[in-house]
């Protein structure tokens, strides 16, 4: 059998903040394309956005010790980038 501490080890090569930012961009890109590409935004887009916000709060509170000043600034810039991505994708809306 494997020792118990094997499952408690973490890989410290890639910071968890990178994964959080990457998940945010992938989920938002897919959600905007699927539910907000028409002139009328689908209600499910807002549900996915709320779940993503809850996931972000959970991950940041869980890995609080990892978020120093630089990673917090990077996270804030990435959230601003998500807003820019939303408006950029919405500028080419199609008539559905």
C-alpha atoms as a PDB file:
ATOM      1  CA  UNK A   1       0.000   0.000   0.000  1.00  0.00           C
ATOM      2  CA  UNK A   2       0.993   3.597  -0.441  1.00  0.00           C
ATOM      3  CA  UNK A   3       1.839   5.773   2.540  1.00  0.00           C
ATOM      4  CA  UNK A   4      -0.838   8.258   3.645  1.00  0.00           C
ATOM      5  CA  UNK A   5       1.256  11.361   2.966  1.00  0.00           C
ATOM      6  CA  UNK A   6       1.418  10.569  -0.773  1.00  0.00           C
ATOM      7  CA  UNK A   7      -2.079  11.975  -1.225  1.00  0.00           C
ATOM      8  CA  UNK A   8      -1.288  15.090   0.806  1.00  0.00           C
ATOM      9  CA  UNK A   9       1.701  16.121  -1.309  1.00  0.00           C
ATOM     10  CA  UNK A  10       1.254  19.002  -3.694  1.00  0.00           C
ATOM     11  CA  UNK A  11       3.064  19.756  -6.897  1.00  0.00           C
ATOM     12  CA  UNK A  12       4.628  23.188  -6.479  1.00  0.00           C
ATOM     13  CA  UNK A  13       5.882  23.600 -10.055  1.00  0.00           C
ATOM     14  CA  UNK A  14       2.815  25.446 -11.347  1.00  0.00           C
ATOM     15  CA  UNK A  15       0.970  27.786  -8.980  1.00  0.00           C
ATOM     16  CA  UNK A  16      -2.710  27.179  -8.329  1.00  0.00           C
ATOM     17  CA  UNK A  17      -3.466  30.760  -9.364  1.00  0.00           C
ATOM     18  CA  UNK A  18      -2.417  29.895 -12.930  1.00  0.00           C
ATOM     19  CA  UNK A  19      -4.935  27.053 -13.040  1.00  0.00           C
ATOM     20  CA  UNK A  20      -7.657  29.309 -11.647  1.00  0.00           C
ATOM     21  CA  UNK A  21      -7.019  31.994 -14.272  1.00  0.00           C
ATOM     22  CA  UNK A  22      -6.862  29.398 -17.060  1.00  0.00           C
ATOM     23  CA  UNK A  23     -10.147  27.803 -15.954  1.00  0.00           C
ATOM     24  CA  UNK A  24     -11.777  31.240 -15.818  1.00  0.00           C
ATOM     25  CA  UNK A  25     -10.775  32.051 -19.397  1.00  0.00           C
ATOM     26  CA  UNK A  26     -11.778  28.663 -20.816  1.00  0.00           C
ATOM     27  CA  UNK A  27     -15.162  28.621 -19.074  1.00  0.00           C
ATOM     28  CA  UNK A  28     -15.929  32.222 -20.012  1.00  0.00           C
ATOM     29  CA  UNK A  29     -14.910  31.761 -23.653  1.00  0.00           C
ATOM     30  CA  UNK A  30     -17.086  28.673 -24.039  1.00  0.00           C
ATOM     31  CA  UNK A  31     -19.989  30.216 -22.135  1.00  0.00           C
ATOM     32  CA  UNK A  32     -19.934  33.463 -24.096  1.00  0.00           C
ATOM     33  CA  UNK A  33     -19.849  31.590 -27.391  1.00  0.00           C
ATOM     34  CA  UNK A  34     -22.651  29.247 -26.387  1.00  0.00           C
ATOM     35  CA  UNK A  35     -25.048  31.492 -24.458  1.00  0.00           C
ATOM     36  CA  UNK A  36     -24.209  35.135 -25.177  1.00  0.00           C
ATOM     37  CA  UNK A  37     -23.526  35.217 -28.904  1.00  0.00           C
ATOM     38  CA  UNK A  38     -27.095  36.294 -29.717  1.00  0.00           C
ATOM     39  CA  UNK A  39     -28.379  39.831 -29.055  1.00  0.00           C
ATOM     40  CA  UNK A  40     -30.369  38.467 -26.095  1.00  0.00           C
ATOM     41  CA  UNK A  41     -28.159  36.915 -23.387  1.00  0.00           C
ATOM     42  CA  UNK A  42     -29.456  33.537 -22.250  1.00  0.00           C
ATOM     43  CA  UNK A  43     -30.297  33.170 -18.540  1.00  0.00           C
ATOM     44  CA  UNK A  44     -27.995  30.150 -18.276  1.00  0.00           C
ATOM     45  CA  UNK A  45     -25.019  32.446 -18.950  1.00  0.00           C
ATOM     46  CA  UNK A  46     -25.702  34.216 -15.652  1.00  0.00           C
ATOM     47  CA  UNK A  47     -26.019  30.879 -13.837  1.00  0.00           C
ATOM     48  CA  UNK A  48     -22.636  29.743 -15.158  1.00  0.00           C
ATOM     49  CA  UNK A  49     -21.130  33.120 -14.235  1.00  0.00           C
ATOM     50  CA  UNK A  50     -22.454  32.801 -10.656  1.00  0.00           C
ATOM     51  CA  UNK A  51     -21.101  29.250 -10.321  1.00  0.00           C
ATOM     52  CA  UNK A  52     -17.731  30.414 -11.662  1.00  0.00           C
ATOM     53  CA  UNK A  53     -17.671  33.253  -9.123  1.00  0.00           C
ATOM     54  CA  UNK A  54     -18.452  30.823  -6.300  1.00  0.00           C
ATOM     55  CA  UNK A  55     -15.697  28.509  -7.544  1.00  0.00           C
ATOM     56  CA  UNK A  56     -13.253  31.429  -7.537  1.00  0.00           C
ATOM     57  CA  UNK A  57     -14.143  32.353  -3.963  1.00  0.00           C
ATOM     58  CA  UNK A  58     -13.743  28.727  -2.883  1.00  0.00           C
ATOM     59  CA  UNK A  59     -10.351  28.294  -4.583  1.00  0.00           C
ATOM     60  CA  UNK A  60      -8.960  31.594  -3.291  1.00  0.00           C
ATOM     61  CA  UNK A  61     -10.046  30.855   0.283  1.00  0.00           C
ATOM     62  CA  UNK A  62      -8.710  27.310   0.059  1.00  0.00           C
ATOM     63  CA  UNK A  63      -5.280  28.401  -1.231  1.00  0.00           C
ATOM     64  CA  UNK A  64      -5.114  31.686   0.670  1.00  0.00           C
ATOM     65  CA  UNK A  65      -1.470  31.245   1.708  1.00  0.00           C
ATOM     66  CA  UNK A  66      -0.390  31.093  -1.936  1.00  0.00           C
ATOM     67  CA  UNK A  67      -1.888  34.439  -2.951  1.00  0.00           C
ATOM     68  CA  UNK A  68       0.714  37.101  -2.326  1.00  0.00           C
ATOM     69  CA  UNK A  69       0.529  40.668  -3.622  1.00  0.00           C
ATOM     70  CA  UNK A  70       1.790  39.863  -7.124  1.00  0.00           C
ATOM     71  CA  UNK A  71      -0.627  36.974  -7.649  1.00  0.00           C
ATOM     72  CA  UNK A  72      -3.545  39.066  -6.411  1.00  0.00           C
ATOM     73  CA  UNK A  73      -2.647  41.803  -8.907  1.00  0.00           C
ATOM     74  CA  UNK A  74      -2.381  39.181 -11.677  1.00  0.00           C
ATOM     75  CA  UNK A  75      -5.797  37.801 -10.705  1.00  0.00           C
ATOM     76  CA  UNK A  76      -7.389  41.269 -10.775  1.00  0.00           C
ATOM     77  CA  UNK A  77      -5.864  41.962 -14.195  1.00  0.00           C
ATOM     78  CA  UNK A  78      -7.201  38.630 -15.444  1.00  0.00           C
ATOM     79  CA  UNK A  79     -10.713  39.501 -14.238  1.00  0.00           C
ATOM     80  CA  UNK A  80     -10.456  42.799 -16.135  1.00  0.00           C
ATOM     81  CA  UNK A  81      -9.346  40.767 -19.154  1.00  0.00           C
ATOM     82  CA  UNK A  82     -12.459  38.615 -18.793  1.00  0.00           C
ATOM     83  CA  UNK A  83     -14.627  41.730 -18.975  1.00  0.00           C
ATOM     84  CA  UNK A  84     -12.768  42.899 -22.088  1.00  0.00           C
ATOM     85  CA  UNK A  85     -13.169  39.437 -23.615  1.00  0.00           C
ATOM     86  CA  UNK A  86     -16.916  39.546 -22.912  1.00  0.00           C
ATOM     87  CA  UNK A  87     -17.349  42.866 -24.722  1.00  0.00           C
ATOM     88  CA  UNK A  88     -15.076  41.783 -27.580  1.00  0.00           C
ATOM     89  CA  UNK A  89     -17.063  38.584 -28.144  1.00  0.00           C
ATOM     90  CA  UNK A  90     -20.366  40.448 -27.813  1.00  0.00           C
ATOM     91  CA  UNK A  91     -19.365  43.029 -30.430  1.00  0.00           C
ATOM     92  CA  UNK A  92     -19.828  40.406 -33.132  1.00  0.00           C
ATOM     93  CA  UNK A  93     -23.242  39.141 -32.038  1.00  0.00           C
ATOM     94  CA  UNK A  94     -25.339  37.273 -34.556  1.00  0.00           C
ATOM     95  CA  UNK A  95     -29.068  37.476 -35.098  1.00  0.00           C
ATOM     96  CA  UNK A  96     -30.452  34.222 -33.748  1.00  0.00           C
END
